[in-house]
Amino acid sequence: MNNNKINTFQYLSLVRYKGLVSILKKHEKKKVSIILDLEDSAQDLFSKKRTVELKSTGRKGLVYLAEKNLKLKNDIFIRINSIQSKEYAKDLLAIKQAIKKRLKLKGIFLPKVSKYSEVHNLYKIFKSRKIKIIPIIETRIGLRNLKKILIEDKKNIISHIHYGHFDYCLDLNLWPFPEPYHIEFWDIINPIIETTLFFKKKFIQTPFPLIKNFQLYWSMLKYFDDNYKVKKIETTLVNYDKDFINQPKVIKKLRTKKMSITKEYKVRFAKKIYNEYMKFKSKKKSFSLSRKRFIAPHQYLMAKKFLKYEK
C-alpha cells in the first residue's frame, strides 16, 4: 500500500482564527489539504445567539487569514453553511472579500446537498475563479438523490463527493451511530462509494472519529486499497497526529462486527456520549475531544434525544 496515493483533508475551525496562523504554517510541511470550517464547528448547541456570534467570528477569521497572505503550499478549501441556512449568503460575501485579499481558494464544500441545482448555482457564482464545488451528501434525501445529482452534472462541475456520517445518522434518527469497525457503517458507505466511482468522481470519506485508533484508520485505508482505486478515495481528519499521516510497517486487515442493538447497550453508550461531550467540550467549540474519540454535536444531540425517549 502506497501512502503517497492518499490525499488527506484536515478540518480546522475558524472560530479561534488568530491561533490558526501558526497551525497552518505547521501543516504546510504535512501532506494534507485544509478545510477551513464555517459550519458545524462554529455553533453553540445551547445558545442561538452565541451561534450567530461564532458564525460571524468565523467569517472575520477567514478575511483575517486572507490579509495575512500566508502563501501556503497546502490546498485551501472552505466548508460553508448549507444553502437553506441564513448564514449562506453571509458566507459567500466573506469568501468574496477573502478572495479580493488574495486568498488562494481551491474549493468550497457545500453541506446538506439535496439536488444538483444547489451545486450548480454556487458554481456559477465562483465560475470565473475556477473554484471546485464539492457537495456533501449527509441527509436521507441527499443520498436518495445522489445518482440523479451525478447524472445531471453534464458539465462535469462535480469532482468529488464527500459523505457526512454524523449528519446522516442524525437525519435518520439512528442510534447508536455506526462506527468504522461496524458492518452497518460499511453497509451505508459502500453504495455511496460505488455510485461515486461509477460516475468517475472521487470519494471523500467522512471524518474519522476515533482519534487514537491509528491501526483501525490504516486498516480502513487498506480496505479502500483492496476494494477500490485508492487514488479515487480521500480521507478527512478532525485532529492531526503524525500516526495518521505516516504509514505503519504493518497494516492489519479491516475487521468488522455487527452493532449491538440491545437496549442496555444503547442506553449505556448514549450516557457515555452525553457525559463525555459535556465533560470535554470547550466554550468555543461545538464538538468534544475525549481521550479516545471526536464527539460531533450531532452525536450528542442524538444521544440526548434517545435518553429522553427512553425515560
C-alpha atoms as a PDB file:
ATOM      1  CA  MET A   1       0.000   0.000   0.000  1.00  0.00           C
ATOM      2  CA  ASN A   2       1.478   3.358  -1.058  1.00  0.00           C
ATOM      3  CA  ASN A   3       0.702   6.254   1.264  1.00  0.00           C
ATOM      4  CA  ASN A   4       1.600   8.755  -1.485  1.00  0.00           C
ATOM      5  CA  LYS A   5      -1.639   7.846  -3.261  1.00  0.00           C
ATOM      6  CA  ILE A   6      -3.790   9.062  -0.384  1.00  0.00           C
ATOM      7  CA  ASN A   7      -4.911  12.656  -0.075  1.00  0.00           C
ATOM      8  CA  THR A   8      -5.980  13.693   3.411  1.00  0.00           C
ATOM      9  CA  PHE A   9      -8.161  16.656   4.339  1.00  0.00           C
ATOM     10  CA  GLN A  10      -7.792  18.294   7.747  1.00  0.00           C
ATOM     11  CA  TYR A  11     -10.775  20.175   9.180  1.00  0.00           C
ATOM     12  CA  LEU A  12      -9.867  23.348  11.077  1.00  0.00           C
ATOM     13  CA  SER A  13     -12.325  25.615  12.887  1.00  0.00           C
ATOM     14  CA  LEU A  14     -12.175  29.327  12.072  1.00  0.00           C
ATOM     15  CA  VAL A  15     -13.526  30.403  15.452  1.00  0.00           C
ATOM     16  CA  ARG A  16     -10.084  30.861  17.033  1.00  0.00           C
ATOM     17  CA  TYR A  17      -8.616  32.266  13.857  1.00  0.00           C
ATOM     18  CA  LYS A  18      -5.565  34.072  15.257  1.00  0.00           C
ATOM     19  CA  GLY A  19      -4.149  30.810  16.523  1.00  0.00           C
ATOM     20  CA  LEU A  20      -4.643  29.283  13.075  1.00  0.00           C
ATOM     21  CA  VAL A  21      -1.695  31.177  11.589  1.00  0.00           C
ATOM     22  CA  SER A  22       0.888  29.053  13.407  1.00  0.00           C
ATOM     23  CA  ILE A  23      -1.172  25.873  12.917  1.00  0.00           C
ATOM     24  CA  LEU A  24      -1.420  26.440   9.168  1.00  0.00           C
ATOM     25  CA  LYS A  25       2.319  27.048   8.914  1.00  0.00           C
ATOM     26  CA  LYS A  26       2.964  23.738  10.697  1.00  0.00           C
ATOM     27  CA  HIS A  27       0.555  21.953   8.369  1.00  0.00           C
ATOM     28  CA  GLU A  28       2.422  23.287   5.360  1.00  0.00           C
ATOM     29  CA  LYS A  29       5.067  20.609   5.896  1.00  0.00           C
ATOM     30  CA  LYS A  30       2.463  17.851   6.009  1.00  0.00           C
ATOM     31  CA  LYS A  31       0.688  16.036   3.198  1.00  0.00           C
ATOM     32  CA  VAL A  32      -2.755  17.433   3.965  1.00  0.00           C
ATOM     33  CA  SER A  33      -5.319  19.704   2.363  1.00  0.00           C
ATOM     34  CA  ILE A  34      -7.032  22.186   4.682  1.00  0.00           C
ATOM     35  CA  ILE A  35     -10.787  22.659   5.121  1.00  0.00           C
ATOM     36  CA  LEU A  36     -11.480  25.893   6.980  1.00  0.00           C
ATOM     37  CA  ASP A  37     -14.853  25.384   8.642  1.00  0.00           C
ATOM     38  CA  LEU A  38     -17.667  27.919   8.877  1.00  0.00           C
ATOM     39  CA  GLU A  39     -20.369  25.339   9.585  1.00  0.00           C
ATOM     40  CA  ASP A  40     -20.546  22.694  12.323  1.00  0.00           C
ATOM     41  CA  SER A  41     -17.588  23.851  14.413  1.00  0.00           C
ATOM     42  CA  ALA A  42     -18.971  27.411  14.581  1.00  0.00           C
ATOM     43  CA  GLN A  43     -22.048  26.838  16.703  1.00  0.00           C
ATOM     44  CA  ASP A  44     -23.249  26.611  20.296  1.00  0.00           C
ATOM     45  CA  LEU A  45     -25.914  23.951  20.828  1.00  0.00           C
ATOM     46  CA  PHE A  46     -27.117  25.758  23.932  1.00  0.00           C
ATOM     47  CA  SER A  47     -27.429  29.307  22.561  1.00  0.00           C
ATOM     48  CA  LYS A  48     -28.736  30.524  19.200  1.00  0.00           C
ATOM     49  CA  LYS A  49     -27.371  33.987  19.920  1.00  0.00           C
ATOM     50  CA  ARG A  50     -23.929  32.576  20.608  1.00  0.00           C
ATOM     51  CA  THR A  51     -24.092  30.534  17.391  1.00  0.00           C
ATOM     52  CA  VAL A  52     -24.732  33.696  15.357  1.00  0.00           C
ATOM     53  CA  GLU A  53     -21.724  35.304  17.058  1.00  0.00           C
ATOM     54  CA  LEU A  54     -19.492  32.294  16.347  1.00  0.00           C
ATOM     55  CA  LYS A  55     -20.520  32.227  12.677  1.00  0.00           C
ATOM     56  CA  SER A  56     -19.652  35.910  12.409  1.00  0.00           C
ATOM     57  CA  THR A  57     -16.306  35.317  14.138  1.00  0.00           C
ATOM     58  CA  GLY A  58     -15.505  32.528  11.677  1.00  0.00           C
ATOM     59  CA  ARG A  59     -16.134  34.804   8.707  1.00  0.00           C
ATOM     60  CA  LYS A  60     -13.937  37.504  10.242  1.00  0.00           C
ATOM     61  CA  GLY A  61     -11.290  34.838  10.688  1.00  0.00           C
ATOM     62  CA  LEU A  62     -11.425  33.913   7.021  1.00  0.00           C
ATOM     63  CA  VAL A  63     -10.817  37.502   5.960  1.00  0.00           C
ATOM     64  CA  TYR A  64      -8.112  37.846   8.632  1.00  0.00           C
ATOM     65  CA  LEU A  65      -6.207  34.847   7.245  1.00  0.00           C
ATOM     66  CA  ALA A  66      -6.524  36.241   3.716  1.00  0.00           C
ATOM     67  CA  GLU A  67      -4.987  39.509   4.889  1.00  0.00           C
ATOM     68  CA  LYS A  68      -2.052  37.593   6.385  1.00  0.00           C
ATOM     69  CA  ASN A  69      -1.131  36.429   2.856  1.00  0.00           C
ATOM     70  CA  LEU A  70       0.437  33.243   4.233  1.00  0.00           C
ATOM     71  CA  LYS A  71       1.315  31.789   0.798  1.00  0.00           C
ATOM     72  CA  LEU A  72       0.796  28.221   1.938  1.00  0.00           C
ATOM     73  CA  LYS A  73       1.637  25.230  -0.227  1.00  0.00           C
ATOM     74  CA  ASN A  74      -1.387  23.299   1.070  1.00  0.00           C
ATOM     75  CA  ASP A  75      -4.618  23.387  -0.913  1.00  0.00           C
ATOM     76  CA  ILE A  76      -7.155  25.504   0.976  1.00  0.00           C
ATOM     77  CA  PHE A  77     -10.875  24.696   0.997  1.00  0.00           C
ATOM     78  CA  ILE A  78     -13.796  26.183   2.918  1.00  0.00           C
ATOM     79  CA  ARG A  79     -16.874  24.451   4.302  1.00  0.00           C
ATOM     80  CA  ILE A  80     -19.734  26.934   4.300  1.00  0.00           C
ATOM     81  CA  ASN A  81     -23.236  26.669   5.740  1.00  0.00           C
ATOM     82  CA  SER A  82     -25.949  24.987   3.696  1.00  0.00           C
ATOM     83  CA  ILE A  83     -27.962  26.828   1.096  1.00  0.00           C
ATOM     84  CA  GLN A  84     -31.007  26.597   3.392  1.00  0.00           C
ATOM     85  CA  SER A  85     -29.169  28.447   6.166  1.00  0.00           C
ATOM     86  CA  LYS A  86     -29.482  32.165   6.909  1.00  0.00           C
ATOM     87  CA  GLU A  87     -25.678  32.175   7.101  1.00  0.00           C
ATOM     88  CA  TYR A  88     -25.204  31.045   3.492  1.00  0.00           C
ATOM     89  CA  ALA A  89     -25.290  34.491   1.836  1.00  0.00           C
ATOM     90  CA  LYS A  90     -23.038  35.928   4.553  1.00  0.00           C
ATOM     91  CA  ASP A  91     -20.528  33.128   3.982  1.00  0.00           C
ATOM     92  CA  LEU A  92     -20.412  33.859   0.247  1.00  0.00           C
ATOM     93  CA  LEU A  93     -19.793  37.544   0.937  1.00  0.00           C
ATOM     94  CA  ALA A  94     -16.908  36.683   3.279  1.00  0.00           C
ATOM     95  CA  ILE A  95     -15.397  34.363   0.663  1.00  0.00           C
ATOM     96  CA  LYS A  96     -15.564  37.104  -1.967  1.00  0.00           C
ATOM     97  CA  GLN A  97     -13.843  39.515   0.438  1.00  0.00           C
ATOM     98  CA  ALA A  98     -11.142  36.948   1.205  1.00  0.00           C
ATOM     99  CA  ILE A  99     -10.539  36.287  -2.494  1.00  0.00           C
ATOM    100  CA  LYS A 100     -10.145  40.022  -3.118  1.00  0.00           C
ATOM    101  CA  LYS A 101      -7.452  39.963  -0.452  1.00  0.00           C
ATOM    102  CA  ARG A 102      -5.721  37.217  -2.474  1.00  0.00           C
ATOM    103  CA  LEU A 103      -6.753  34.121  -0.604  1.00  0.00           C
ATOM    104  CA  LYS A 104      -5.898  31.190  -2.860  1.00  0.00           C
ATOM    105  CA  LEU A 105      -9.006  29.069  -2.559  1.00  0.00           C
ATOM    106  CA  LYS A 106      -9.087  25.616  -4.131  1.00  0.00           C
ATOM    107  CA  GLY A 107     -12.704  24.729  -3.411  1.00  0.00           C
ATOM    108  CA  ILE A 108     -15.888  25.044  -1.385  1.00  0.00           C
ATOM    109  CA  PHE A 109     -17.558  22.203   0.498  1.00  0.00           C
ATOM    110  CA  LEU A 110     -21.352  22.607   0.339  1.00  0.00           C
ATOM    111  CA  PRO A 111     -23.244  20.805   3.144  1.00  0.00           C
ATOM    112  CA  LYS A 112     -26.590  19.008   3.002  1.00  0.00           C
ATOM    113  CA  VAL A 113     -26.851  18.944  -0.774  1.00  0.00           C
ATOM    114  CA  SER A 114     -30.180  17.509  -1.894  1.00  0.00           C
ATOM    115  CA  LYS A 115     -30.291  18.440  -5.592  1.00  0.00           C
ATOM    116  CA  TYR A 116     -27.961  19.380  -8.425  1.00  0.00           C
ATOM    117  CA  SER A 117     -29.207  22.970  -8.792  1.00  0.00           C
ATOM    118  CA  GLU A 118     -27.718  23.815  -5.376  1.00  0.00           C
ATOM    119  CA  VAL A 119     -24.262  22.825  -6.617  1.00  0.00           C
ATOM    120  CA  HIS A 120     -24.695  24.496  -9.995  1.00  0.00           C
ATOM    121  CA  ASN A 121     -25.924  27.796  -8.539  1.00  0.00           C
ATOM    122  CA  LEU A 122     -22.900  28.029  -6.235  1.00  0.00           C
ATOM    123  CA  TYR A 123     -20.593  27.063  -9.101  1.00  0.00           C
ATOM    124  CA  LYS A 124     -21.917  29.932 -11.254  1.00  0.00           C
ATOM    125  CA  ILE A 125     -21.063  32.463  -8.545  1.00  0.00           C
ATOM    126  CA  PHE A 126     -17.374  31.459  -8.476  1.00  0.00           C
ATOM    127  CA  LYS A 127     -17.029  30.103 -12.015  1.00  0.00           C
ATOM    128  CA  SER A 128     -14.511  32.738 -13.084  1.00  0.00           C
ATOM    129  CA  ARG A 129     -12.260  31.804 -10.144  1.00  0.00           C
ATOM    130  CA  LYS A 130     -12.159  28.110 -11.140  1.00  0.00           C
ATOM    131  CA  ILE A 131     -13.117  27.085  -7.625  1.00  0.00           C
ATOM    132  CA  LYS A 132     -14.242  23.489  -7.092  1.00  0.00           C
ATOM    133  CA  ILE A 133     -17.660  22.912  -5.573  1.00  0.00           C
ATOM    134  CA  ILE A 134     -17.768  19.726  -3.510  1.00  0.00           C
ATOM    135  CA  PRO A 135     -21.225  18.532  -2.430  1.00  0.00           C
ATOM    136  CA  ILE A 136     -21.541  16.897   0.965  1.00  0.00           C
ATOM    137  CA  ILE A 137     -24.093  14.087   0.999  1.00  0.00           C
ATOM    138  CA  GLU A 138     -25.365  13.819   4.565  1.00  0.00           C
ATOM    139  CA  THR A 139     -29.145  13.601   4.532  1.00  0.00           C
ATOM    140  CA  ARG A 140     -31.688  10.969   3.604  1.00  0.00           C
ATOM    141  CA  ILE A 141     -32.882  12.991   0.597  1.00  0.00           C
ATOM    142  CA  GLY A 142     -29.313  13.782  -0.475  1.00  0.00           C
ATOM    143  CA  LEU A 143     -28.373  10.114  -0.524  1.00  0.00           C
ATOM    144  CA  ARG A 144     -31.585   9.179  -2.310  1.00  0.00           C
ATOM    145  CA  ASN A 145     -30.860  11.799  -4.998  1.00  0.00           C
ATOM    146  CA  LEU A 146     -27.112  11.137  -5.335  1.00  0.00           C
ATOM    147  CA  LYS A 147     -27.353   9.252  -8.620  1.00  0.00           C
ATOM    148  CA  LYS A 148     -29.702  11.881 -10.065  1.00  0.00           C
ATOM    149  CA  ILE A 149     -27.325  14.667  -8.982  1.00  0.00           C
ATOM    150  CA  LEU A 150     -24.417  12.982 -10.764  1.00  0.00           C
ATOM    151  CA  ILE A 151     -26.454  12.249 -13.888  1.00  0.00           C
ATOM    152  CA  GLU A 152     -27.412  15.937 -14.122  1.00  0.00           C
ATOM    153  CA  ASP A 153     -23.762  17.004 -13.821  1.00  0.00           C
ATOM    154  CA  LYS A 154     -23.288  17.015 -17.591  1.00  0.00           C
ATOM    155  CA  LYS A 155     -20.796  19.907 -17.387  1.00  0.00           C
ATOM    156  CA  ASN A 156     -18.602  17.851 -15.043  1.00  0.00           C
ATOM    157  CA  ILE A 157     -18.698  20.506 -12.341  1.00  0.00           C
ATOM    158  CA  ILE A 158     -18.506  17.975  -9.515  1.00  0.00           C
ATOM    159  CA  SER A 159     -15.056  16.492  -8.931  1.00  0.00           C
ATOM    160  CA  HIS A 160     -15.678  14.898  -5.517  1.00  0.00           C
ATOM    161  CA  ILE A 161     -18.481  13.595  -3.324  1.00  0.00           C
ATOM    162  CA  HIS A 162     -17.986  13.968   0.427  1.00  0.00           C
ATOM    163  CA  TYR A 163     -20.036  11.790   2.775  1.00  0.00           C
ATOM    164  CA  GLY A 164     -21.076  13.266   6.143  1.00  0.00           C
ATOM    165  CA  HIS A 165     -21.833  10.420   8.538  1.00  0.00           C
ATOM    166  CA  PHE A 166     -22.836  12.403  11.626  1.00  0.00           C
ATOM    167  CA  ASP A 167     -25.497  14.499   9.918  1.00  0.00           C
ATOM    168  CA  TYR A 168     -26.792  11.472   8.038  1.00  0.00           C
ATOM    169  CA  CYS A 169     -27.266   9.405  11.190  1.00  0.00           C
ATOM    170  CA  LEU A 170     -28.950  12.334  12.940  1.00  0.00           C
ATOM    171  CA  ASP A 171     -31.280  12.820   9.973  1.00  0.00           C
ATOM    172  CA  LEU A 172     -32.244   9.136  10.180  1.00  0.00           C
ATOM    173  CA  ASN A 173     -32.746   9.268  13.977  1.00  0.00           C
ATOM    174  CA  LEU A 174     -30.290   6.398  14.139  1.00  0.00           C
ATOM    175  CA  TRP A 175     -28.833   5.301  17.465  1.00  0.00           C
ATOM    176  CA  PRO A 176     -26.124   4.442  18.051  1.00  0.00           C
ATOM    177  CA  PHE A 177     -24.163   5.878  15.127  1.00  0.00           C
ATOM    178  CA  PRO A 178     -22.320   3.013  13.378  1.00  0.00           C
ATOM    179  CA  GLU A 179     -18.530   3.274  13.680  1.00  0.00           C
ATOM    180  CA  PRO A 180     -15.784   2.244  11.202  1.00  0.00           C
ATOM    181  CA  TYR A 181     -15.474  -1.186  12.847  1.00  0.00           C
ATOM    182  CA  HIS A 182     -19.209  -1.901  12.364  1.00  0.00           C
ATOM    183  CA  ILE A 183     -20.661  -3.806   9.415  1.00  0.00           C
ATOM    184  CA  GLU A 184     -23.549  -1.311   9.374  1.00  0.00           C
ATOM    185  CA  PHE A 185     -21.109   1.563   8.801  1.00  0.00           C
ATOM    186  CA  TRP A 186     -19.922  -0.015   5.565  1.00  0.00           C
ATOM    187  CA  ASP A 187     -23.453  -1.001   4.563  1.00  0.00           C
ATOM    188  CA  ILE A 188     -24.129   2.744   4.311  1.00  0.00           C
ATOM    189  CA  ILE A 189     -20.845   3.845   2.786  1.00  0.00           C
ATOM    190  CA  ASN A 190     -20.025   1.205   0.176  1.00  0.00           C
ATOM    191  CA  PRO A 191     -23.024   2.016  -2.082  1.00  0.00           C
ATOM    192  CA  ILE A 192     -22.076   5.710  -1.939  1.00  0.00           C
ATOM    193  CA  ILE A 193     -18.500   4.903  -2.970  1.00  0.00           C
ATOM    194  CA  GLU A 194     -19.653   2.647  -5.776  1.00  0.00           C
ATOM    195  CA  THR A 195     -22.052   5.269  -7.163  1.00  0.00           C
ATOM    196  CA  THR A 196     -19.422   7.993  -6.899  1.00  0.00           C
ATOM    197  CA  LEU A 197     -16.736   5.946  -8.659  1.00  0.00           C
ATOM    198  CA  PHE A 198     -19.179   4.784 -11.351  1.00  0.00           C
ATOM    199  CA  PHE A 199     -19.592   8.424 -12.372  1.00  0.00           C
ATOM    200  CA  LYS A 200     -15.802   8.873 -12.295  1.00  0.00           C
ATOM    201  CA  LYS A 201     -15.767  11.202  -9.316  1.00  0.00           C
ATOM    202  CA  LYS A 202     -13.541  10.989  -6.249  1.00  0.00           C
ATOM    203  CA  PHE A 203     -14.997   9.936  -2.919  1.00  0.00           C
ATOM    204  CA  ILE A 204     -14.069  11.748   0.309  1.00  0.00           C
ATOM    205  CA  GLN A 205     -14.633   9.664   3.427  1.00  0.00           C
ATOM    206  CA  THR A 206     -16.468  11.028   6.454  1.00  0.00           C
ATOM    207  CA  PRO A 207     -14.172  12.344   9.239  1.00  0.00           C
ATOM    208  CA  PHE A 208     -12.512   9.547  11.199  1.00  0.00           C
ATOM    209  CA  PRO A 209     -13.913   9.778  14.761  1.00  0.00           C
ATOM    210  CA  LEU A 210     -11.593   7.545  16.801  1.00  0.00           C
ATOM    211  CA  ILE A 211      -8.703   9.902  17.374  1.00  0.00           C
ATOM    212  CA  LYS A 212      -6.319   7.372  18.947  1.00  0.00           C
ATOM    213  CA  ASN A 213      -7.160   4.267  16.940  1.00  0.00           C
ATOM    214  CA  PHE A 214      -4.460   4.591  14.319  1.00  0.00           C
ATOM    215  CA  GLN A 215      -4.474   0.906  13.444  1.00  0.00           C
ATOM    216  CA  LEU A 216      -8.172   0.980  12.584  1.00  0.00           C
ATOM    217  CA  TYR A 217      -7.617   4.056  10.450  1.00  0.00           C
ATOM    218  CA  TRP A 218      -4.894   2.349   8.422  1.00  0.00           C
ATOM    219  CA  SER A 219      -6.947  -0.840   8.217  1.00  0.00           C
ATOM    220  CA  MET A 220      -9.691   1.290   6.695  1.00  0.00           C
ATOM    221  CA  LEU A 221      -7.272   2.634   4.110  1.00  0.00           C
ATOM    222  CA  LYS A 222      -6.127  -0.895   3.350  1.00  0.00           C
ATOM    223  CA  TYR A 223      -9.782  -1.816   2.833  1.00  0.00           C
ATOM    224  CA  PHE A 224     -10.069   1.007   0.294  1.00  0.00           C
ATOM    225  CA  ASP A 225      -6.859  -0.139  -1.376  1.00  0.00           C
ATOM    226  CA  ASP A 226      -8.054  -3.742  -1.596  1.00  0.00           C
ATOM    227  CA  ASN A 227     -11.546  -2.949  -2.873  1.00  0.00           C
ATOM    228  CA  TYR A 228     -11.345   0.353  -4.746  1.00  0.00           C
ATOM    229  CA  LYS A 229      -8.855   2.571  -6.530  1.00  0.00           C
ATOM    230  CA  VAL A 230      -7.060   4.385  -3.736  1.00  0.00           C
ATOM    231  CA  LYS A 231      -6.435   7.398  -5.970  1.00  0.00           C
ATOM    232  CA  LYS A 232     -10.199   7.840  -6.068  1.00  0.00           C
ATOM    233  CA  ILE A 233     -10.617   7.645  -2.276  1.00  0.00           C
ATOM    234  CA  GLU A 234      -9.630  10.512   0.022  1.00  0.00           C
ATOM    235  CA  THR A 235      -9.928  10.857   3.793  1.00  0.00           C
ATOM    236  CA  THR A 236     -10.730  13.550   6.348  1.00  0.00           C
ATOM    237  CA  LEU A 237      -9.442  14.107   9.870  1.00  0.00           C
ATOM    238  CA  VAL A 238     -10.658  16.291  12.729  1.00  0.00           C
ATOM    239  CA  ASN A 239      -7.382  16.158  14.633  1.00  0.00           C
ATOM    240  CA  TYR A 240      -3.827  15.952  13.384  1.00  0.00           C
ATOM    241  CA  ASP A 241      -1.456  13.236  14.535  1.00  0.00           C
ATOM    242  CA  LYS A 242       1.619  12.037  12.675  1.00  0.00           C
ATOM    243  CA  ASP A 243       0.410   8.436  13.062  1.00  0.00           C
ATOM    244  CA  PHE A 244      -2.498   9.252  10.750  1.00  0.00           C
ATOM    245  CA  ILE A 245      -0.079  10.505   8.105  1.00  0.00           C
ATOM    246  CA  ASN A 246       2.964   8.235   8.405  1.00  0.00           C
ATOM    247  CA  GLN A 247       2.151   4.755   7.177  1.00  0.00           C
ATOM    248  CA  PRO A 248       2.995   1.961   9.652  1.00  0.00           C
ATOM    249  CA  LYS A 249       5.082  -1.026   8.577  1.00  0.00           C
ATOM    250  CA  VAL A 250       2.303  -3.489   9.339  1.00  0.00           C
ATOM    251  CA  ILE A 251      -1.341  -2.832   8.477  1.00  0.00           C
ATOM    252  CA  LYS A 252      -3.921  -5.334   9.621  1.00  0.00           C
ATOM    253  CA  LYS A 253      -6.935  -6.321   7.585  1.00  0.00           C
ATOM    254  CA  LEU A 254     -10.104  -4.440   8.496  1.00  0.00           C
ATOM    255  CA  ARG A 255     -12.250  -6.489  10.858  1.00  0.00           C
ATOM    256  CA  THR A 256     -15.872  -5.534  11.364  1.00  0.00           C
ATOM    257  CA  LYS A 257     -18.690  -6.727  13.574  1.00  0.00           C
ATOM    258  CA  LYS A 258     -22.429  -6.227  13.908  1.00  0.00           C
ATOM    259  CA  MET A 259     -23.553  -3.430  16.197  1.00  0.00           C
ATOM    260  CA  SER A 260     -25.112  -4.380  19.471  1.00  0.00           C
ATOM    261  CA  ILE A 261     -28.768  -3.401  19.395  1.00  0.00           C
ATOM    262  CA  THR A 262     -29.721  -4.344  22.949  1.00  0.00           C
ATOM    263  CA  LYS A 263     -31.493  -1.641  24.903  1.00  0.00           C
ATOM    264  CA  GLU A 264     -28.932  -1.940  27.698  1.00  0.00           C
ATOM    265  CA  TYR A 265     -26.053  -1.193  25.316  1.00  0.00           C
ATOM    266  CA  LYS A 266     -27.861   1.676  23.612  1.00  0.00           C
ATOM    267  CA  VAL A 267     -28.637   3.364  26.918  1.00  0.00           C
ATOM    268  CA  ARG A 268     -25.131   2.823  28.297  1.00  0.00           C
ATOM    269  CA  PHE A 269     -23.473   4.196  25.159  1.00  0.00           C
ATOM    270  CA  ALA A 270     -25.855   7.169  24.988  1.00  0.00           C
ATOM    271  CA  LYS A 271     -24.986   8.078  28.578  1.00  0.00           C
ATOM    272  CA  LYS A 272     -21.283   7.755  27.774  1.00  0.00           C
ATOM    273  CA  ILE A 273     -21.512  10.057  24.762  1.00  0.00           C
ATOM    274  CA  TYR A 274     -23.691  12.569  26.609  1.00  0.00           C
ATOM    275  CA  ASN A 275     -21.389  12.720  29.644  1.00  0.00           C
ATOM    276  CA  GLU A 276     -18.130  12.841  27.688  1.00  0.00           C
ATOM    277  CA  TYR A 277     -19.453  15.558  25.401  1.00  0.00           C
ATOM    278  CA  MET A 278     -20.360  17.743  28.374  1.00  0.00           C
ATOM    279  CA  LYS A 279     -17.097  16.976  30.188  1.00  0.00           C
ATOM    280  CA  PHE A 280     -14.673  17.715  27.356  1.00  0.00           C
ATOM    281  CA  LYS A 281     -16.462  20.424  25.372  1.00  0.00           C
ATOM    282  CA  SER A 282     -14.723  23.810  25.328  1.00  0.00           C
ATOM    283  CA  LYS A 283     -16.640  27.093  25.228  1.00  0.00           C
ATOM    284  CA  LYS A 284     -15.612  27.983  21.685  1.00  0.00           C
ATOM    285  CA  LYS A 285     -16.116  24.599  20.032  1.00  0.00           C
ATOM    286  CA  SER A 286     -19.283  22.738  19.127  1.00  0.00           C
ATOM    287  CA  PHE A 287     -17.573  19.365  19.381  1.00  0.00           C
ATOM    288  CA  SER A 288     -15.702  17.499  22.102  1.00  0.00           C
ATOM    289  CA  LEU A 289     -12.465  15.575  22.007  1.00  0.00           C
ATOM    290  CA  SER A 290     -12.425  12.949  24.725  1.00  0.00           C
ATOM    291  CA  ARG A 291      -9.398  10.757  25.363  1.00  0.00           C
ATOM    292  CA  LYS A 292     -10.407   8.365  22.593  1.00  0.00           C
ATOM    293  CA  ARG A 293     -12.942   9.978  20.278  1.00  0.00           C
ATOM    294  CA  PHE A 294     -14.226  13.014  18.454  1.00  0.00           C
ATOM    295  CA  ILE A 295     -17.814  13.638  19.559  1.00  0.00           C
ATOM    296  CA  ALA A 296     -19.734  15.655  16.994  1.00  0.00           C
ATOM    297  CA  PRO A 297     -22.655  17.811  18.170  1.00  0.00           C
ATOM    298  CA  HIS A 298     -24.940  15.582  16.072  1.00  0.00           C
ATOM    299  CA  GLN A 299     -23.942  12.536  18.121  1.00  0.00           C
ATOM    300  CA  TYR A 300     -24.533  14.376  21.382  1.00  0.00           C
ATOM    301  CA  LEU A 301     -27.964  15.543  20.204  1.00  0.00           C
ATOM    302  CA  MET A 302     -28.992  12.037  19.175  1.00  0.00           C
ATOM    303  CA  ALA A 303     -27.752  10.560  22.447  1.00  0.00           C
ATOM    304  CA  LYS A 304     -29.716  13.173  24.381  1.00  0.00           C
ATOM    305  CA  LYS A 305     -32.829  12.545  22.292  1.00  0.00           C
ATOM    306  CA  PHE A 306     -32.524   8.784  22.768  1.00  0.00           C
ATOM    307  CA  LEU A 307     -32.175   9.084  26.560  1.00  0.00           C
ATOM    308  CA  LYS A 308     -35.155  11.440  26.744  1.00  0.00           C
ATOM    309  CA  TYR A 309     -37.257   8.980  24.737  1.00  0.00           C
ATOM    310  CA  GLU A 310     -36.202   6.076  26.947  1.00  0.00           C
ATOM    311  CA  LYS A 311     -37.403   7.898  30.061  1.00  0.00           C
END
